[in-house]
PDB file of N, CA and C in Angstrom:
ATOM      1  N   UNK A   1       5.167   9.724 -28.392  1.00  0.00           N
ATOM      2  CA  UNK A   1       4.411   8.717 -27.775  1.00  0.00           C
ATOM      3  C   UNK A   1       2.810   9.009 -27.554  1.00  0.00           C
ATOM      4  N   UNK A   2       2.327   8.062 -27.300  1.00  0.00           N
ATOM      5  CA  UNK A   2       0.569   8.116 -27.212  1.00  0.00           C
ATOM      6  C   UNK A   2       0.269   8.655 -25.552  1.00  0.00           C
ATOM      7  N   UNK A   3      -0.635   9.170 -25.790  1.00  0.00           N
ATOM      8  CA  UNK A   3      -1.223  10.410 -24.494  1.00  0.00           C
ATOM      9  C   UNK A   3      -1.010   9.462 -23.405  1.00  0.00           C
ATOM     10  N   UNK A   4      -1.939   7.889 -23.548  1.00  0.00           N
ATOM     11  CA  UNK A   4      -1.807   7.445 -22.401  1.00  0.00           C
ATOM     12  C   UNK A   4      -0.582   6.634 -21.955  1.00  0.00           C
ATOM     13  N   UNK A   5       0.454   6.374 -22.781  1.00  0.00           N
ATOM     14  CA  UNK A   5       1.324   6.177 -22.441  1.00  0.00           C
ATOM     15  C   UNK A   5       2.662   6.828 -22.068  1.00  0.00           C
ATOM     16  N   UNK A   6       2.536   8.464 -21.785  1.00  0.00           N
ATOM     17  CA  UNK A   6       2.720   9.245 -21.439  1.00  0.00           C
ATOM     18  C   UNK A   6       1.955   9.416 -19.979  1.00  0.00           C
ATOM     19  N   UNK A   7       1.157   9.368 -19.479  1.00  0.00           N
ATOM     20  CA  UNK A   7       0.544   9.562 -18.299  1.00  0.00           C
ATOM     21  C   UNK A   7       0.817   7.889 -17.888  1.00  0.00           C
ATOM     22  N   UNK A   8       0.913   7.139 -18.111  1.00  0.00           N
ATOM     23  CA  UNK A   8       1.337   6.097 -17.195  1.00  0.00           C
ATOM     24  C   UNK A   8       2.768   6.594 -16.951  1.00  0.00           C
ATOM     25  N   UNK A   9       3.821   6.552 -17.658  1.00  0.00           N
ATOM     26  CA  UNK A   9       5.210   6.483 -17.615  1.00  0.00           C
ATOM     27  C   UNK A   9       4.986   7.463 -16.531  1.00  0.00           C
ATOM     28  N   UNK A  10       4.550   8.851 -16.547  1.00  0.00           N
ATOM     29  CA  UNK A  10       5.029  10.056 -15.582  1.00  0.00           C
ATOM     30  C   UNK A  10       3.931   9.666 -14.057  1.00  0.00           C
ATOM     31  N   UNK A  11       3.184   8.686 -14.043  1.00  0.00           N
ATOM     32  CA  UNK A  11       2.498   8.365 -12.867  1.00  0.00           C
ATOM     33  C   UNK A  11       3.146   6.987 -12.277  1.00  0.00           C
ATOM     34  N   UNK A  12       3.480   6.252 -13.003  1.00  0.00           N
ATOM     35  CA  UNK A  12       4.618   5.089 -12.563  1.00  0.00           C
ATOM     36  C   UNK A  12       5.918   5.875 -11.675  1.00  0.00           C
ATOM     37  N   UNK A  13       6.238   6.702 -12.606  1.00  0.00           N
ATOM     38  CA  UNK A  13       7.729   7.476 -11.690  1.00  0.00           C
ATOM     39  C   UNK A  13       7.563   7.323 -10.732  1.00  0.00           C
ATOM     40  N   UNK A  14       6.295   8.540 -10.179  1.00  0.00           N
ATOM     41  CA  UNK A  14       5.588   8.730  -9.220  1.00  0.00           C
ATOM     42  C   UNK A  14       5.422   7.768  -8.108  1.00  0.00           C
ATOM     43  N   UNK A  15       4.781   6.468  -8.445  1.00  0.00           N
ATOM     44  CA  UNK A  15       4.038   5.572  -7.669  1.00  0.00           C
ATOM     45  C   UNK A  15       5.212   5.084  -7.123  1.00  0.00           C
ATOM     46  N   UNK A  16       6.902   4.381  -8.116  1.00  0.00           N
ATOM     47  CA  UNK A  16       7.935   3.997  -7.134  1.00  0.00           C
ATOM     48  C   UNK A  16       8.944   5.059  -6.370  1.00  0.00           C
ATOM     49  N   UNK A  17       8.438   6.125  -6.500  1.00  0.00           N
ATOM     50  CA  UNK A  17       9.143   7.280  -5.802  1.00  0.00           C
ATOM     51  C   UNK A  17       8.478   7.101  -4.313  1.00  0.00           C
ATOM     52  N   UNK A  18       6.794   6.825  -4.049  1.00  0.00           N
ATOM     53  CA  UNK A  18       6.217   6.976  -3.172  1.00  0.00           C
ATOM     54  C   UNK A  18       6.199   5.395  -1.886  1.00  0.00           C
ATOM     55  N   UNK A  19       6.524   4.279  -3.135  1.00  0.00           N
ATOM     56  CA  UNK A  19       6.725   2.996  -2.364  1.00  0.00           C
ATOM     57  C   UNK A  19       8.310   3.191  -1.752  1.00  0.00           C
ATOM     58  N   UNK A  20       9.234   3.887  -2.065  1.00  0.00           N
ATOM     59  CA  UNK A  20      10.382   3.916  -1.948  1.00  0.00           C
ATOM     60  C   UNK A  20      10.170   4.872   0.409  1.00  0.00           C
ATOM     61  N   UNK A  21       9.083   5.407   0.266  1.00  0.00           N
ATOM     62  CA  UNK A  21       9.061   6.036   1.810  1.00  0.00           C
ATOM     63  C   UNK A  21       8.990   5.190   2.742  1.00  0.00           C
ATOM     64  N   UNK A  22       9.183   5.460   3.869  1.00  0.00           N
ATOM     65  CA  UNK A  22       9.172   3.935   5.030  1.00  0.00           C
ATOM     66  C   UNK A  22       7.667   4.127   5.693  1.00  0.00           C
ATOM     67  N   UNK A  23       7.359   5.723   5.983  1.00  0.00           N
ATOM     68  CA  UNK A  23       5.719   5.761   6.767  1.00  0.00           C
ATOM     69  C   UNK A  23       4.741   5.080   5.877  1.00  0.00           C
ATOM     70  N   UNK A  24       4.632   4.457   6.502  1.00  0.00           N
ATOM     71  CA  UNK A  24       3.268   3.791   5.710  1.00  0.00           C
ATOM     72  C   UNK A  24       2.253   5.051   5.821  1.00  0.00           C
ATOM     73  N   UNK A  25       1.606   5.912   6.634  1.00  0.00           N
ATOM     74  CA  UNK A  25       0.282   6.503   6.644  1.00  0.00           C
ATOM     75  C   UNK A  25       1.122   7.423   5.232  1.00  0.00           C
ATOM     76  N   UNK A  26       2.277   7.956   5.482  1.00  0.00           N
ATOM     77  CA  UNK A  26       2.695   8.989   4.328  1.00  0.00           C
ATOM     78  C   UNK A  26       2.550   7.977   3.152  1.00  0.00           C
ATOM     79  N   UNK A  27       2.722   6.843   2.829  1.00  0.00           N
ATOM     80  CA  UNK A  27       2.602   6.501   1.696  1.00  0.00           C
ATOM     81  C   UNK A  27       1.009   6.571   0.789  1.00  0.00           C
ATOM     82  N   UNK A  28       0.064   6.476   2.568  1.00  0.00           N
ATOM     83  CA  UNK A  28      -1.135   5.717   1.646  1.00  0.00           C
ATOM     84  C   UNK A  28      -1.863   7.217   1.214  1.00  0.00           C
ATOM     85  N   UNK A  29      -1.043   8.326   2.034  1.00  0.00           N
ATOM     86  CA  UNK A  29      -1.931   9.848   1.848  1.00  0.00           C
ATOM     87  C   UNK A  29      -1.623   9.960   0.826  1.00  0.00           C
ATOM     88  N   UNK A  30      -0.552   9.914  -0.040  1.00  0.00           N
ATOM     89  CA  UNK A  30       0.281  10.326  -1.061  1.00  0.00           C
ATOM     90  C   UNK A  30       0.040   9.451  -2.332  1.00  0.00           C
ATOM     91  N   UNK A  31      -0.976   8.228  -2.011  1.00  0.00           N
ATOM     92  CA  UNK A  31      -1.414   7.718  -3.246  1.00  0.00           C
ATOM     93  C   UNK A  31      -2.520   8.188  -3.000  1.00  0.00           C
ATOM     94  N   UNK A  32      -3.380   8.164  -2.293  1.00  0.00           N
ATOM     95  CA  UNK A  32      -5.144   8.593  -2.278  1.00  0.00           C
ATOM     96  C   UNK A  32      -4.706   9.848  -3.494  1.00  0.00           C
ATOM     97  N   UNK A  33      -3.738  10.923  -2.879  1.00  0.00           N
ATOM     98  CA  UNK A  33      -3.667  12.221  -3.568  1.00  0.00           C
ATOM     99  C   UNK A  33      -3.681  12.363  -4.547  1.00  0.00           C
ATOM    100  N   UNK A  34      -1.982  11.019  -5.486  1.00  0.00           N
ATOM    101  CA  UNK A  34      -2.138  10.673  -6.552  1.00  0.00           C
ATOM    102  C   UNK A  34      -3.481  10.328  -7.749  1.00  0.00           C
ATOM    103  N   UNK A  35      -4.241   9.400  -6.640  1.00  0.00           N
ATOM    104  CA  UNK A  35      -5.584   8.941  -7.444  1.00  0.00           C
ATOM    105  C   UNK A  35      -6.477  10.295  -7.756  1.00  0.00           C
ATOM    106  N   UNK A  36      -6.646  10.953  -6.984  1.00  0.00           N
ATOM    107  CA  UNK A  36      -7.418  12.131  -7.382  1.00  0.00           C
ATOM    108  C   UNK A  36      -7.254  12.881  -7.817  1.00  0.00           C
ATOM    109  N   UNK A  37      -5.166  13.173  -8.373  1.00  0.00           N
ATOM    110  CA  UNK A  37      -4.829  13.588  -9.605  1.00  0.00           C
ATOM    111  C   UNK A  37      -4.894  13.042 -10.556  1.00  0.00           C
ATOM    112  N   UNK A  38      -4.849  11.452 -10.886  1.00  0.00           N
ATOM    113  CA  UNK A  38      -5.197  10.951 -12.073  1.00  0.00           C
ATOM    114  C   UNK A  38      -6.750  11.331 -12.507  1.00  0.00           C
ATOM    115  N   UNK A  39      -7.196  10.800 -11.389  1.00  0.00           N
ATOM    116  CA  UNK A  39      -8.991  11.209 -11.793  1.00  0.00           C
ATOM    117  C   UNK A  39      -9.549  12.604 -12.513  1.00  0.00           C
ATOM    118  N   UNK A  40      -8.997  13.368 -11.746  1.00  0.00           N
ATOM    119  CA  UNK A  40      -8.832  14.822 -12.053  1.00  0.00           C
ATOM    120  C   UNK A  40      -8.343  15.265 -13.633  1.00  0.00           C
ATOM    121  N   UNK A  41      -7.003  14.084 -14.199  1.00  0.00           N
ATOM    122  CA  UNK A  41      -6.715  14.802 -15.152  1.00  0.00           C
ATOM    123  C   UNK A  41      -7.444  14.055 -16.066  1.00  0.00           C
ATOM    124  N   UNK A  42      -8.482  12.751 -16.111  1.00  0.00           N
ATOM    125  CA  UNK A  42      -8.679  12.347 -17.045  1.00  0.00           C
ATOM    126  C   UNK A  42     -10.452  12.993 -17.147  1.00  0.00           C
ATOM    127  N   UNK A  43     -10.483  13.532 -16.128  1.00  0.00           N
ATOM    128  CA  UNK A  43     -12.114  14.397 -16.559  1.00  0.00           C
ATOM    129  C   UNK A  43     -11.857  15.455 -17.130  1.00  0.00           C
ATOM    130  N   UNK A  44     -10.522  16.004 -16.824  1.00  0.00           N
ATOM    131  CA  UNK A  44     -10.207  17.489 -18.025  1.00  0.00           C
ATOM    132  C   UNK A  44     -10.354  17.132 -19.831  1.00  0.00           C
ATOM    133  N   UNK A  45     -10.050  15.742 -20.092  1.00  0.00           N
ATOM    134  CA  UNK A  45     -10.141  15.018 -21.062  1.00  0.00           C
ATOM    135  C   UNK A  45     -10.997  13.867 -21.690  1.00  0.00           C
TER     136      UNK A  45
END
C-alpha cells in the first residue's frame, strides 16, 4: 500500500472516532491536535 493511502486510512479512522464524541469543544480540540499531528508527519517526510 502506498504511503499516502496508509496515512489517509490511519487518520480517517481517527476522525471517525472524534466525530462520535458528543462534546463539541472536545471534538474541535481533538481535530486541531490531529491536524497538527498530520502537519508534523508531513514535515518529517
